[in-house]
C-alpha cells in the first residue's frame, strides 16, 4: 500500500505563509524555508516594536512639553514638579496635545501651576 500524504493541507499551509511574505526582497518571498524564517522573525520584531513605540511616543510628548514650557520660562522637570505638587491630574499625552494644538490652554495650566 502506498504512503498517504496530505499534499492539499501542506500546500495550503505553505501558500498561506508565501502570501504573507509577498513584497519581501529576493528569495525571502518565494523560497519556503527562507520565507517562513523571515516571516517568523518579522512577528518577533512586530511584538518588540509595539512596545518600543510606546516609549518613543512618551519621548515625543516630553520634548513637546519641554519646548512649550521653555516659552514660559520653565524647564520640563520644573513644570512637571509643579504640576504634581499642585495636585493637577494631567498626563503627558494630554499636556503635549495642549502645548501643540491649544497654546492658550497650556499657558493657563502653566499660570495656575506657577501661582499655586
PDB file of N, CA and C in Angstrom:
ATOM      1  N   UNK A   1       0.843  -1.186   0.000  1.00  0.00           N
ATOM      2  CA  UNK A   1       0.000   0.000   0.000  1.00  0.00           C
ATOM      3  C   UNK A   1       0.883   1.242   0.000  1.00  0.00           C
ATOM      4  N   UNK A   2       0.614   2.206  -0.885  1.00  0.00           N
ATOM      5  CA  UNK A   2       1.460   3.399  -0.955  1.00  0.00           C
ATOM      6  C   UNK A   2       1.263   4.315   0.252  1.00  0.00           C
ATOM      7  N   UNK A   3       2.294   5.100   0.470  1.00  0.00           N
ATOM      8  CA  UNK A   3       2.251   6.043   1.589  1.00  0.00           C
ATOM      9  C   UNK A   3       1.283   7.164   1.263  1.00  0.00           C
ATOM     10  N   UNK A   4       0.474   7.540   2.231  1.00  0.00           N
ATOM     11  CA  UNK A   4      -0.523   8.590   2.019  1.00  0.00           C
ATOM     12  C   UNK A   4      -0.052   9.882   2.684  1.00  0.00           C
ATOM     13  N   UNK A   5       0.045  10.919   1.885  1.00  0.00           N
ATOM     14  CA  UNK A   5       0.488  12.220   2.392  1.00  0.00           C
ATOM     15  C   UNK A   5      -0.569  13.249   2.006  1.00  0.00           C
ATOM     16  N   UNK A   6      -0.912  14.107   2.923  1.00  0.00           N
ATOM     17  CA  UNK A   6      -1.952  15.100   2.665  1.00  0.00           C
ATOM     18  C   UNK A   6      -1.321  16.335   2.012  1.00  0.00           C
ATOM     19  N   UNK A   7      -1.129  16.252   0.699  1.00  0.00           N
ATOM     20  CA  UNK A   7      -0.496  17.365  -0.012  1.00  0.00           C
ATOM     21  C   UNK A   7      -1.371  18.610  -0.031  1.00  0.00           C
ATOM     22  N   UNK A   8      -2.652  18.433  -0.008  1.00  0.00           N
ATOM     23  CA  UNK A   8      -3.548  19.584  -0.074  1.00  0.00           C
ATOM     24  C   UNK A   8      -3.340  20.485   1.144  1.00  0.00           C
ATOM     25  N   UNK A   9      -3.293  19.886   2.318  1.00  0.00           N
ATOM     26  CA  UNK A   9      -3.144  20.670   3.546  1.00  0.00           C
ATOM     27  C   UNK A   9      -1.766  21.316   3.628  1.00  0.00           C
ATOM     28  N   UNK A  10      -0.720  20.563   3.291  1.00  0.00           N
ATOM     29  CA  UNK A  10       0.625  21.130   3.401  1.00  0.00           C
ATOM     30  C   UNK A  10       0.828  22.250   2.369  1.00  0.00           C
ATOM     31  N   UNK A  11       0.305  22.086   1.154  1.00  0.00           N
ATOM     32  CA  UNK A  11       0.423  23.124   0.142  1.00  0.00           C
ATOM     33  C   UNK A  11      -0.347  24.376   0.569  1.00  0.00           C
ATOM     34  N   UNK A  12      -1.520  24.172   1.147  1.00  0.00           N
ATOM     35  CA  UNK A  12      -2.315  25.312   1.620  1.00  0.00           C
ATOM     36  C   UNK A  12      -1.570  26.067   2.725  1.00  0.00           C
ATOM     37  N   UNK A  13      -0.961  25.317   3.627  1.00  0.00           N
ATOM     38  CA  UNK A  13      -0.215  25.936   4.725  1.00  0.00           C
ATOM     39  C   UNK A  13       0.966  26.745   4.190  1.00  0.00           C
ATOM     40  N   UNK A  14       1.667  26.191   3.208  1.00  0.00           N
ATOM     41  CA  UNK A  14       2.808  26.904   2.638  1.00  0.00           C
ATOM     42  C   UNK A  14       2.363  28.128   1.849  1.00  0.00           C
ATOM     43  N   UNK A  15       1.303  27.990   1.088  1.00  0.00           N
ATOM     44  CA  UNK A  15       0.827  29.120   0.290  1.00  0.00           C
ATOM     45  C   UNK A  15       0.373  30.280   1.181  1.00  0.00           C
ATOM     46  N   UNK A  16      -0.166  29.938   2.345  1.00  0.00           N
ATOM     47  CA  UNK A  16      -0.610  30.973   3.280  1.00  0.00           C
ATOM     48  C   UNK A  16       0.587  31.817   3.739  1.00  0.00           C
ATOM     49  N   UNK A  17       1.687  31.163   4.076  1.00  0.00           N
ATOM     50  CA  UNK A  17       2.892  31.887   4.507  1.00  0.00           C
ATOM     51  C   UNK A  17       3.489  32.654   3.332  1.00  0.00           C
ATOM     52  N   UNK A  18       3.548  32.034   2.153  1.00  0.00           N
ATOM     53  CA  UNK A  18       4.131  32.706   0.994  1.00  0.00           C
ATOM     54  C   UNK A  18       3.308  33.921   0.583  1.00  0.00           C
ATOM     55  N   UNK A  19       2.008  33.857   0.817  1.00  0.00           N
ATOM     56  CA  UNK A  19       1.169  35.025   0.528  1.00  0.00           C
ATOM     57  C   UNK A  19       1.499  36.165   1.495  1.00  0.00           C
ATOM     58  N   UNK A  20       1.810  35.834   2.743  1.00  0.00           N
ATOM     59  CA  UNK A  20       2.143  36.859   3.733  1.00  0.00           C
ATOM     60  C   UNK A  20       3.512  37.494   3.470  1.00  0.00           C
ATOM     61  N   UNK A  21       4.398  36.763   2.772  1.00  0.00           N
ATOM     62  CA  UNK A  21       5.737  37.297   2.522  1.00  0.00           C
ATOM     63  C   UNK A  21       5.838  37.983   1.166  1.00  0.00           C
ATOM     64  N   UNK A  22       4.716  38.197   0.504  1.00  0.00           N
ATOM     65  CA  UNK A  22       4.740  38.895  -0.775  1.00  0.00           C
ATOM     66  C   UNK A  22       5.279  40.310  -0.550  1.00  0.00           C
ATOM     67  N   UNK A  23       6.194  40.746  -1.406  1.00  0.00           N
ATOM     68  CA  UNK A  23       6.781  42.066  -1.265  1.00  0.00           C
ATOM     69  C   UNK A  23       8.136  42.052  -0.589  1.00  0.00           C
ATOM     70  N   UNK A  24       8.551  40.913  -0.025  1.00  0.00           N
ATOM     71  CA  UNK A  24       9.886  40.816   0.549  1.00  0.00           C
ATOM     72  C   UNK A  24      10.912  40.744  -0.570  1.00  0.00           C
ATOM     73  N   UNK A  25      12.177  40.977  -0.238  1.00  0.00           N
ATOM     74  CA  UNK A  25      13.240  41.052  -1.239  1.00  0.00           C
ATOM     75  C   UNK A  25      13.793  39.663  -1.557  1.00  0.00           C
ATOM     76  N   UNK A  26      14.009  39.409  -2.828  1.00  0.00           N
ATOM     77  CA  UNK A  26      14.709  38.201  -3.274  1.00  0.00           C
ATOM     78  C   UNK A  26      14.006  36.920  -2.890  1.00  0.00           C
ATOM     79  N   UNK A  27      14.808  35.939  -2.448  1.00  0.00           N
ATOM     80  CA  UNK A  27      14.242  34.632  -2.142  1.00  0.00           C
ATOM     81  C   UNK A  27      13.453  34.635  -0.833  1.00  0.00           C
ATOM     82  N   UNK A  28      13.451  35.737  -0.134  1.00  0.00           N
ATOM     83  CA  UNK A  28      12.649  35.827   1.089  1.00  0.00           C
ATOM     84  C   UNK A  28      11.167  35.764   0.784  1.00  0.00           C
ATOM     85  N   UNK A  29      10.777  35.962  -0.462  1.00  0.00           N
ATOM     86  CA  UNK A  29       9.366  35.956  -0.795  1.00  0.00           C
ATOM     87  C   UNK A  29       8.888  34.637  -1.367  1.00  0.00           C
ATOM     88  N   UNK A  30       9.791  33.821  -1.965  1.00  0.00           N
ATOM     89  CA  UNK A  30       9.286  32.649  -2.663  1.00  0.00           C
ATOM     90  C   UNK A  30       9.977  31.328  -2.329  1.00  0.00           C
ATOM     91  N   UNK A  31      11.056  31.334  -1.571  1.00  0.00           N
ATOM     92  CA  UNK A  31      11.677  30.088  -1.123  1.00  0.00           C
ATOM     93  C   UNK A  31      11.092  29.764   0.251  1.00  0.00           C
ATOM     94  N   UNK A  32      10.486  28.605   0.355  1.00  0.00           N
ATOM     95  CA  UNK A  32       9.666  28.265   1.514  1.00  0.00           C
ATOM     96  C   UNK A  32      10.401  28.450   2.837  1.00  0.00           C
ATOM     97  N   UNK A  33      11.587  27.843   3.003  1.00  0.00           N
ATOM     98  CA  UNK A  33      12.242  27.889   4.312  1.00  0.00           C
ATOM     99  C   UNK A  33      12.693  29.307   4.653  1.00  0.00           C
ATOM    100  N   UNK A  34      13.220  30.020   3.673  1.00  0.00           N
ATOM    101  CA  UNK A  34      13.684  31.390   3.915  1.00  0.00           C
ATOM    102  C   UNK A  34      12.489  32.287   4.227  1.00  0.00           C
ATOM    103  N   UNK A  35      11.412  32.123   3.460  1.00  0.00           N
ATOM    104  CA  UNK A  35      10.216  32.942   3.676  1.00  0.00           C
ATOM    105  C   UNK A  35       9.615  32.677   5.054  1.00  0.00           C
ATOM    106  N   UNK A  36       9.566  31.424   5.454  1.00  0.00           N
ATOM    107  CA  UNK A  36       8.990  31.084   6.761  1.00  0.00           C
ATOM    108  C   UNK A  36       9.818  31.681   7.886  1.00  0.00           C
ATOM    109  N   UNK A  37      11.145  31.560   7.783  1.00  0.00           N
ATOM    110  CA  UNK A  37      12.018  32.128   8.826  1.00  0.00           C
ATOM    111  C   UNK A  37      11.895  33.648   8.880  1.00  0.00           C
ATOM    112  N   UNK A  38      11.837  34.281   7.724  1.00  0.00           N
ATOM    113  CA  UNK A  38      11.719  35.737   7.665  1.00  0.00           C
ATOM    114  C   UNK A  38      10.399  36.193   8.263  1.00  0.00           C
ATOM    115  N   UNK A  39       9.334  35.496   7.941  1.00  0.00           N
ATOM    116  CA  UNK A  39       8.003  35.850   8.453  1.00  0.00           C
ATOM    117  C   UNK A  39       7.953  35.701   9.973  1.00  0.00           C
ATOM    118  N   UNK A  40       8.515  34.585  10.491  1.00  0.00           N
ATOM    119  CA  UNK A  40       8.523  34.382  11.946  1.00  0.00           C
ATOM    120  C   UNK A  40       9.353  35.449  12.652  1.00  0.00           C
ATOM    121  N   UNK A  41      10.490  35.801  12.067  1.00  0.00           N
ATOM    122  CA  UNK A  41      11.336  36.844  12.657  1.00  0.00           C
ATOM    123  C   UNK A  41      10.607  38.188  12.634  1.00  0.00           C
ATOM    124  N   UNK A  42       9.849  38.430  11.560  1.00  0.00           N
ATOM    125  CA  UNK A  42       9.072  39.662  11.474  1.00  0.00           C
ATOM    126  C   UNK A  42       8.030  39.764  12.568  1.00  0.00           C
ATOM    127  N   UNK A  43       7.454  38.622  12.945  1.00  0.00           N
ATOM    128  CA  UNK A  43       6.482  38.635  14.040  1.00  0.00           C
ATOM    129  C   UNK A  43       7.135  39.039  15.355  1.00  0.00           C
ATOM    130  N   UNK A  44       8.358  38.564  15.598  1.00  0.00           N
ATOM    131  CA  UNK A  44       9.031  38.946  16.842  1.00  0.00           C
ATOM    132  C   UNK A  44       9.393  40.430  16.826  1.00  0.00           C
ATOM    133  N   UNK A  45       9.809  40.942  15.657  1.00  0.00           N
ATOM    134  CA  UNK A  45      10.101  42.370  15.552  1.00  0.00           C
ATOM    135  C   UNK A  45       8.833  43.195  15.798  1.00  0.00           C
ATOM    136  N   UNK A  46       7.715  42.732  15.258  1.00  0.00           N
ATOM    137  CA  UNK A  46       6.461  43.473  15.423  1.00  0.00           C
ATOM    138  C   UNK A  46       6.075  43.542  16.892  1.00  0.00           C
ATOM    139  N   UNK A  47       6.222  42.429  17.607  1.00  0.00           N
ATOM    140  CA  UNK A  47       5.896  42.402  19.037  1.00  0.00           C
ATOM    141  C   UNK A  47       6.799  43.351  19.806  1.00  0.00           C
ATOM    142  N   UNK A  48       8.104  43.269  19.527  1.00  0.00           N
ATOM    143  CA  UNK A  48       9.066  44.123  20.234  1.00  0.00           C
ATOM    144  C   UNK A  48       8.817  45.599  19.952  1.00  0.00           C
ATOM    145  N   UNK A  49       8.558  45.920  18.688  1.00  0.00           N
ATOM    146  CA  UNK A  49       8.444  47.323  18.317  1.00  0.00           C
ATOM    147  C   UNK A  49       7.119  47.939  18.725  1.00  0.00           C
ATOM    148  N   UNK A  50       6.096  47.118  18.969  1.00  0.00           N
ATOM    149  CA  UNK A  50       4.870  47.678  19.550  1.00  0.00           C
ATOM    150  C   UNK A  50       5.153  48.193  20.950  1.00  0.00           C
ATOM    151  N   UNK A  51       6.052  47.535  21.658  1.00  0.00           N
ATOM    152  CA  UNK A  51       6.445  48.010  22.987  1.00  0.00           C
ATOM    153  C   UNK A  51       7.319  49.261  22.873  1.00  0.00           C
ATOM    154  N   UNK A  52       8.244  49.259  21.923  1.00  0.00           N
ATOM    155  CA  UNK A  52       9.136  50.410  21.754  1.00  0.00           C
ATOM    156  C   UNK A  52       8.373  51.657  21.323  1.00  0.00           C
ATOM    157  N   UNK A  53       7.303  51.467  20.572  1.00  0.00           N
ATOM    158  CA  UNK A  53       6.530  52.603  20.060  1.00  0.00           C
ATOM    159  C   UNK A  53       5.978  53.435  21.216  1.00  0.00           C
ATOM    160  N   UNK A  54       5.572  52.774  22.288  1.00  0.00           N
ATOM    161  CA  UNK A  54       5.025  53.481  23.448  1.00  0.00           C
ATOM    162  C   UNK A  54       6.094  54.372  24.083  1.00  0.00           C
ATOM    163  N   UNK A  55       7.319  53.866  24.189  1.00  0.00           N
ATOM    164  CA  UNK A  55       8.404  54.667  24.737  1.00  0.00           C
ATOM    165  C   UNK A  55       8.773  55.826  23.833  1.00  0.00           C
ATOM    166  N   UNK A  56       8.723  55.589  22.519  1.00  0.00           N
ATOM    167  CA  UNK A  56       9.031  56.662  21.567  1.00  0.00           C
ATOM    168  C   UNK A  56       8.001  57.773  21.647  1.00  0.00           C
ATOM    169  N   UNK A  57       6.729  57.404  21.778  1.00  0.00           N
ATOM    170  CA  UNK A  57       5.680  58.413  21.885  1.00  0.00           C
ATOM    171  C   UNK A  57       5.853  59.230  23.165  1.00  0.00           C
ATOM    172  N   UNK A  58       6.191  58.576  24.244  1.00  0.00           N
ATOM    173  CA  UNK A  58       6.418  59.299  25.501  1.00  0.00           C
ATOM    174  C   UNK A  58       7.568  60.293  25.354  1.00  0.00           C
ATOM    175  N   UNK A  59       8.621  59.912  24.656  1.00  0.00           N
ATOM    176  CA  UNK A  59       9.753  60.815  24.436  1.00  0.00           C
ATOM    177  C   UNK A  59       9.335  62.029  23.605  1.00  0.00           C
ATOM    178  N   UNK A  60       8.487  61.809  22.606  1.00  0.00           N
ATOM    179  CA  UNK A  60       7.997  62.925  21.791  1.00  0.00           C
ATOM    180  C   UNK A  60       7.151  63.869  22.635  1.00  0.00           C
ATOM    181  N   UNK A  61       6.290  63.295  23.484  1.00  0.00           N
ATOM    182  CA  UNK A  61       5.452  64.139  24.343  1.00  0.00           C
ATOM    183  C   UNK A  61       6.321  64.987  25.252  1.00  0.00           C
ATOM    184  N   UNK A  62       7.360  64.400  25.827  1.00  0.00           N
ATOM    185  CA  UNK A  62       8.244  65.127  26.743  1.00  0.00           C
ATOM    186  C   UNK A  62       8.945  66.265  26.005  1.00  0.00           C
ATOM    187  N   UNK A  63       9.393  66.028  24.775  1.00  0.00           N
ATOM    188  CA  UNK A  63      10.057  67.078  24.000  1.00  0.00           C
ATOM    189  C   UNK A  63       9.103  68.223  23.703  1.00  0.00           C
ATOM    190  N   UNK A  64       7.859  67.902  23.372  1.00  0.00           N
ATOM    191  CA  UNK A  64       6.877  68.954  23.071  1.00  0.00           C
ATOM    192  C   UNK A  64       6.550  69.767  24.321  1.00  0.00           C
ATOM    193  N   UNK A  65       6.392  69.096  25.442  1.00  0.00           N
ATOM    194  CA  UNK A  65       6.091  69.797  26.694  1.00  0.00           C
ATOM    195  C   UNK A  65       7.271  70.685  27.078  1.00  0.00           C
ATOM    196  N   UNK A  66       8.482  70.182  26.914  1.00  0.00           N
ATOM    197  CA  UNK A  66       9.675  70.942  27.265  1.00  0.00           C
ATOM    198  C   UNK A  66       9.785  72.194  26.401  1.00  0.00           C
ATOM    199  N   UNK A  67       9.532  72.051  25.110  1.00  0.00           N
ATOM    200  CA  UNK A  67       9.623  73.208  24.214  1.00  0.00           C
ATOM    201  C   UNK A  67       8.592  74.264  24.585  1.00  0.00           C
ATOM    202  N   UNK A  68       7.370  73.829  24.898  1.00  0.00           N
ATOM    203  CA  UNK A  68       6.323  74.784  25.268  1.00  0.00           C
ATOM    204  C   UNK A  68       6.590  75.392  26.637  1.00  0.00           C
ATOM    205  N   UNK A  69       7.133  74.604  27.556  1.00  0.00           N
ATOM    206  CA  UNK A  69       7.414  75.114  28.902  1.00  0.00           C
ATOM    207  C   UNK A  69       8.509  76.170  28.869  1.00  0.00           C
ATOM    208  N   UNK A  70       9.488  75.991  28.017  1.00  0.00           N
ATOM    209  CA  UNK A  70      10.580  76.964  27.937  1.00  0.00           C
ATOM    210  C   UNK A  70      10.105  78.301  27.393  1.00  0.00           C
ATOM    211  N   UNK A  71       9.005  78.312  26.661  1.00  0.00           N
ATOM    212  CA  UNK A  71       8.433  79.588  26.227  1.00  0.00           C
ATOM    213  C   UNK A  71       7.851  80.356  27.405  1.00  0.00           C
ATOM    214  N   UNK A  72       7.562  79.633  28.489  1.00  0.00           N
ATOM    215  CA  UNK A  72       7.022  80.255  29.700  1.00  0.00           C
ATOM    216  C   UNK A  72       8.073  80.301  30.812  1.00  0.00           C
ATOM    217  N   UNK A  73       9.350  80.251  30.437  1.00  0.00           N
ATOM    218  CA  UNK A  73      10.479  80.353  31.369  1.00  0.00           C
ATOM    219  C   UNK A  73      10.499  79.253  32.416  1.00  0.00           C
ATOM    220  N   UNK A  74      10.159  78.051  32.013  1.00  0.00           N
ATOM    221  CA  UNK A  74      10.250  76.873  32.876  1.00  0.00           C
ATOM    222  C   UNK A  74      10.920  75.758  32.102  1.00  0.00           C
ATOM    223  N   UNK A  75      11.582  74.857  32.812  1.00  0.00           N
ATOM    224  CA  UNK A  75      12.078  73.650  32.167  1.00  0.00           C
ATOM    225  C   UNK A  75      11.013  72.562  32.317  1.00  0.00           C
ATOM    226  N   UNK A  76      11.202  71.487  31.605  1.00  0.00           N
ATOM    227  CA  UNK A  76      10.244  70.375  31.678  1.00  0.00           C
ATOM    228  C   UNK A  76      10.158  69.826  33.095  1.00  0.00           C
ATOM    229  N   UNK A  77      11.319  69.603  33.701  1.00  0.00           N
ATOM    230  CA  UNK A  77      11.314  68.974  35.016  1.00  0.00           C
ATOM    231  C   UNK A  77      10.679  69.877  36.070  1.00  0.00           C
ATOM    232  N   UNK A  78      10.936  71.176  35.988  1.00  0.00           N
ATOM    233  CA  UNK A  78      10.317  72.102  36.955  1.00  0.00           C
ATOM    234  C   UNK A  78       8.812  72.177  36.749  1.00  0.00           C
ATOM    235  N   UNK A  79       8.384  72.192  35.487  1.00  0.00           N
ATOM    236  CA  UNK A  79       6.950  72.224  35.199  1.00  0.00           C
ATOM    237  C   UNK A  79       6.256  70.982  35.733  1.00  0.00           C
ATOM    238  N   UNK A  80       6.823  69.811  35.470  1.00  0.00           N
ATOM    239  CA  UNK A  80       6.197  68.574  35.926  1.00  0.00           C
ATOM    240  C   UNK A  80       6.206  68.489  37.458  1.00  0.00           C
ATOM    241  N   UNK A  81       7.280  68.999  38.073  1.00  0.00           N
ATOM    242  CA  UNK A  81       7.316  69.020  39.529  1.00  0.00           C
ATOM    243  C   UNK A  81       6.224  69.909  40.102  1.00  0.00           C
ATOM    244  N   UNK A  82       6.033  71.077  39.499  1.00  0.00           N
ATOM    245  CA  UNK A  82       4.987  71.993  39.962  1.00  0.00           C
ATOM    246  C   UNK A  82       3.583  71.418  39.728  1.00  0.00           C
ATOM    247  N   UNK A  83       3.412  70.724  38.601  1.00  0.00           N
ATOM    248  CA  UNK A  83       2.100  70.108  38.310  1.00  0.00           C
ATOM    249  C   UNK A  83       1.775  69.053  39.360  1.00  0.00           C
ATOM    250  N   UNK A  84       2.751  68.211  39.694  1.00  0.00           N
ATOM    251  CA  UNK A  84       2.498  67.174  40.689  1.00  0.00           C
ATOM    252  C   UNK A  84       2.297  67.772  42.074  1.00  0.00           C
ATOM    253  N   UNK A  85       3.055  68.845  42.377  1.00  0.00           N
ATOM    254  CA  UNK A  85       2.930  69.471  43.690  1.00  0.00           C
ATOM    255  C   UNK A  85       1.567  70.146  43.866  1.00  0.00           C
ATOM    256  N   UNK A  86       1.055  70.733  42.780  1.00  0.00           N
ATOM    257  CA  UNK A  86      -0.236  71.416  42.861  1.00  0.00           C
ATOM    258  C   UNK A  86      -1.410  70.449  42.808  1.00  0.00           C
ATOM    259  N   UNK A  87      -1.151  69.172  42.500  1.00  0.00           N
ATOM    260  CA  UNK A  87      -2.212  68.165  42.520  1.00  0.00           C
ATOM    261  C   UNK A  87      -3.050  68.110  41.253  1.00  0.00           C
ATOM    262  N   UNK A  88      -2.544  68.672  40.162  1.00  0.00           N
ATOM    263  CA  UNK A  88      -3.275  68.613  38.895  1.00  0.00           C
ATOM    264  C   UNK A  88      -3.037  67.243  38.262  1.00  0.00           C
ATOM    265  N   UNK A  89      -4.119  66.540  37.983  1.00  0.00           N
ATOM    266  CA  UNK A  89      -4.032  65.204  37.389  1.00  0.00           C
ATOM    267  C   UNK A  89      -4.136  65.331  35.876  1.00  0.00           C
ATOM    268  N   UNK A  90      -2.996  65.501  35.219  1.00  0.00           N
ATOM    269  CA  UNK A  90      -2.975  65.584  33.756  1.00  0.00           C
ATOM    270  C   UNK A  90      -1.769  64.788  33.275  1.00  0.00           C
ATOM    271  N   UNK A  91      -1.987  63.952  32.272  1.00  0.00           N
ATOM    272  CA  UNK A  91      -0.877  63.117  31.805  1.00  0.00           C
ATOM    273  C   UNK A  91      -0.104  63.807  30.688  1.00  0.00           C
ATOM    274  N   UNK A  92       1.025  63.221  30.329  1.00  0.00           N
ATOM    275  CA  UNK A  92       1.917  63.838  29.357  1.00  0.00           C
ATOM    276  C   UNK A  92       1.296  63.903  27.972  1.00  0.00           C
ATOM    277  N   UNK A  93       0.497  62.911  27.633  1.00  0.00           N
ATOM    278  CA  UNK A  93      -0.130  62.881  26.309  1.00  0.00           C
ATOM    279  C   UNK A  93      -1.053  64.086  26.131  1.00  0.00           C
ATOM    280  N   UNK A  94      -1.900  64.338  27.113  1.00  0.00           N
ATOM    281  CA  UNK A  94      -2.840  65.456  27.042  1.00  0.00           C
ATOM    282  C   UNK A  94      -2.095  66.779  27.110  1.00  0.00           C
ATOM    283  N   UNK A  95      -1.088  66.849  27.964  1.00  0.00           N
ATOM    284  CA  UNK A  95      -0.314  68.081  28.104  1.00  0.00           C
ATOM    285  C   UNK A  95       0.420  68.425  26.804  1.00  0.00           C
ATOM    286  N   UNK A  96       0.981  67.411  26.144  1.00  0.00           N
ATOM    287  CA  UNK A  96       1.662  67.644  24.867  1.00  0.00           C
ATOM    288  C   UNK A  96       0.669  68.068  23.792  1.00  0.00           C
ATOM    289  N   UNK A  97      -0.529  67.492  23.819  1.00  0.00           N
ATOM    290  CA  UNK A  97      -1.555  67.877  22.850  1.00  0.00           C
ATOM    291  C   UNK A  97      -1.984  69.324  23.067  1.00  0.00           C
ATOM    292  N   UNK A  98      -2.124  69.720  24.331  1.00  0.00           N
ATOM    293  CA  UNK A  98      -2.456  71.117  24.629  1.00  0.00           C
ATOM    294  C   UNK A  98      -1.342  72.056  24.147  1.00  0.00           C
ATOM    295  N   UNK A  99      -0.107  71.665  24.400  1.00  0.00           N
ATOM    296  CA  UNK A  99       1.021  72.506  24.005  1.00  0.00           C
ATOM    297  C   UNK A  99       1.076  72.691  22.496  1.00  0.00           C
ATOM    298  N   UNK A 100       0.708  71.660  21.759  1.00  0.00           N
ATOM    299  CA  UNK A 100       0.798  71.724  20.303  1.00  0.00           C
ATOM    300  C   UNK A 100      -0.423  72.379  19.681  1.00  0.00           C
ATOM    301  N   UNK A 101      -1.619  71.999  20.114  1.00  0.00           N
ATOM    302  CA  UNK A 101      -2.846  72.410  19.430  1.00  0.00           C
ATOM    303  C   UNK A 101      -3.614  73.540  20.120  1.00  0.00           C
ATOM    304  N   UNK A 102      -3.336  73.774  21.401  1.00  0.00           N
ATOM    305  CA  UNK A 102      -4.087  74.788  22.132  1.00  0.00           C
ATOM    306  C   UNK A 102      -3.148  75.513  23.101  1.00  0.00           C
ATOM    307  N   UNK A 103      -2.303  76.398  22.590  1.00  0.00           N
ATOM    308  CA  UNK A 103      -1.312  77.050  23.449  1.00  0.00           C
ATOM    309  C   UNK A 103      -1.917  77.895  24.568  1.00  0.00           C
ATOM    310  N   UNK A 104      -3.136  78.447  24.342  1.00  0.00           N
ATOM    311  CA  UNK A 104      -3.759  79.251  25.396  1.00  0.00           C
ATOM    312  C   UNK A 104      -4.093  78.380  26.611  1.00  0.00           C
ATOM    313  N   UNK A 105      -4.606  77.185  26.360  1.00  0.00           N
ATOM    314  CA  UNK A 105      -4.925  76.273  27.463  1.00  0.00           C
ATOM    315  C   UNK A 105      -3.659  75.837  28.186  1.00  0.00           C
ATOM    316  N   UNK A 106      -2.585  75.591  27.431  1.00  0.00           N
ATOM    317  CA  UNK A 106      -1.313  75.227  28.049  1.00  0.00           C
ATOM    318  C   UNK A 106      -0.796  76.373  28.906  1.00  0.00           C
ATOM    319  N   UNK A 107      -0.933  77.607  28.406  1.00  0.00           N
ATOM    320  CA  UNK A 107      -0.498  78.779  29.183  1.00  0.00           C
ATOM    321  C   UNK A 107      -1.315  78.905  30.465  1.00  0.00           C
ATOM    322  N   UNK A 108      -2.619  78.583  30.370  1.00  0.00           N
ATOM    323  CA  UNK A 108      -3.455  78.651  31.570  1.00  0.00           C
ATOM    324  C   UNK A 108      -3.013  77.623  32.608  1.00  0.00           C
ATOM    325  N   UNK A 109      -2.640  76.436  32.147  1.00  0.00           N
ATOM    326  CA  UNK A 109      -2.150  75.415  33.076  1.00  0.00           C
ATOM    327  C   UNK A 109      -0.853  75.885  33.721  1.00  0.00           C
ATOM    328  N   UNK A 110       0.034  76.482  32.922  1.00  0.00           N
ATOM    329  CA  UNK A 110       1.311  76.952  33.460  1.00  0.00           C
ATOM    330  C   UNK A 110       1.098  78.057  34.478  1.00  0.00           C
ATOM    331  N   UNK A 111       0.203  78.993  34.176  1.00  0.00           N
ATOM    332  CA  UNK A 111      -0.076  80.083  35.124  1.00  0.00           C
ATOM    333  C   UNK A 111      -0.685  79.561  36.413  1.00  0.00           C
ATOM    334  N   UNK A 112      -1.592  78.603  36.293  1.00  0.00           N
ATOM    335  CA  UNK A 112      -2.213  78.015  37.501  1.00  0.00           C
ATOM    336  C   UNK A 112      -1.182  77.351  38.372  1.00  0.00           C
ATOM    337  N   UNK A 113      -0.221  76.663  37.733  1.00  0.00           N
ATOM    338  CA  UNK A 113       0.804  75.956  38.479  1.00  0.00           C
ATOM    339  C   UNK A 113       1.805  76.929  39.105  1.00  0.00           C
ATOM    340  N   UNK A 114       2.125  77.998  38.374  1.00  0.00           N
ATOM    341  CA  UNK A 114       3.079  78.979  38.916  1.00  0.00           C
ATOM    342  C   UNK A 114       2.492  79.700  40.126  1.00  0.00           C
ATOM    343  N   UNK A 115       1.195  79.970  40.106  1.00  0.00           N
ATOM    344  CA  UNK A 115       0.560  80.700  41.205  1.00  0.00           C
ATOM    345  C   UNK A 115       0.213  79.819  42.386  1.00  0.00           C
ATOM    346  N   UNK A 116       0.214  78.526  42.182  1.00  0.00           N
ATOM    347  CA  UNK A 116      -0.163  77.609  43.290  1.00  0.00           C
ATOM    348  C   UNK A 116       0.950  77.401  44.275  1.00  0.00           C
TER     349      UNK A 116
END
